Amino acid sequence: MMTRDNAKKGDMLATEVRRQFGAEAMTRFLRTLPTFRTETDTPDRFRQLLDRLESVESHGSAGARRR
């Protein structure tokens, strides 16, 4: 069973992890890793889909609809 203190610590940890993953330094670091590097030879169709996804994510999910 989780006590209030443990739940509060868990919430604080989750908030801190989200903050750190959103930091510019983390973004720069992840771009150096091969797994997170974008390929330069991505086919145009996939590039367009990725651009659409990024656009929807940056404008929030409120306007996003399933097609």
Protein backbone atom coordinates (compact mmCIF):
# COMPACT_ATOMS: atom_id res chain seq x y z
CA MET A 1 0.00 0.00 0.00
CA MET A 2 1.31 3.43 -0.93
CA THR A 3 1.39 6.08 1.77
CA ARG A 4 0.72 9.75 1.07
CA ASP A 5 4.39 10.58 1.41
CA ASN A 6 5.34 7.87 -1.09
CA ALA A 7 2.65 9.03 -3.51
CA LYS A 8 3.87 12.62 -3.20
CA LYS A 9 7.48 11.52 -3.82
CA GLY A 10 6.32 9.55 -6.86
CA ASP A 11 4.49 12.56 -8.26
CA MET A 12 7.53 14.76 -7.65
CA LEU A 13 9.79 12.23 -9.36
CA ALA A 14 7.49 12.00 -12.39
CA THR A 15 7.41 15.79 -12.66
CA GLU A 16 11.21 15.99 -12.46
CA VAL A 17 11.69 13.29 -15.10
CA ARG A 18 9.29 15.07 -17.48
CA ARG A 19 11.11 18.36 -16.86
CA GLN A 20 14.51 16.85 -17.58
CA PHE A 21 13.36 15.06 -20.74
CA GLY A 22 12.00 18.34 -22.04
CA ALA A 23 15.25 20.22 -21.39
CA GLU A 24 17.32 21.47 -24.33
CA ALA A 25 20.44 19.75 -22.99
CA MET A 26 18.63 16.38 -23.06
CA THR A 27 17.43 17.04 -26.60
CA ARG A 28 20.98 17.79 -27.74
CA PHE A 29 22.27 14.65 -26.01
CA LEU A 30 19.60 12.42 -27.54
CA ARG A 31 20.38 13.76 -31.02
CA THR A 32 23.91 12.41 -30.65
CA LEU A 33 22.62 8.88 -30.14
CA PRO A 34 22.12 6.85 -33.35
CA THR A 35 18.69 5.61 -32.28
CA PHE A 36 17.30 9.14 -32.04
CA ARG A 37 19.03 10.62 -35.07
CA THR A 38 16.84 11.35 -38.07
CA GLU A 39 17.86 9.74 -41.31
CA THR A 40 18.66 12.02 -44.23
CA ASP A 41 17.43 9.51 -46.80
CA THR A 42 13.90 9.14 -45.41
CA PRO A 43 11.41 8.76 -48.28
CA ASP A 44 9.27 11.84 -48.96
CA ARG A 45 6.05 10.05 -47.98
CA PHE A 46 7.39 9.22 -44.53
CA ARG A 47 8.87 12.71 -44.14
CA GLN A 48 5.42 14.22 -44.87
CA LEU A 49 3.77 11.92 -42.32
CA LEU A 50 6.38 12.82 -39.70
CA ASP A 51 5.83 16.52 -40.41
CA ARG A 52 2.08 16.08 -39.96
CA LEU A 53 2.60 14.22 -36.70
CA GLU A 54 4.92 16.92 -35.40
CA SER A 55 2.41 19.60 -36.36
CA VAL A 56 -0.43 17.87 -34.53
CA GLU A 57 1.75 17.31 -31.46
CA SER A 58 2.87 20.95 -31.35
CA HIS A 59 -0.71 22.24 -31.58
CA GLY A 60 -2.00 19.87 -28.92
CA SER A 61 -4.37 16.98 -29.22
CA ALA A 62 -7.54 19.10 -28.83
CA GLY A 63 -7.75 19.68 -32.57
CA ALA A 64 -6.60 16.23 -33.60
CA ARG A 65 -9.20 13.85 -35.05
CA ARG A 66 -9.02 10.27 -36.19
CA ARG A 67 -9.29 9.75 -39.91
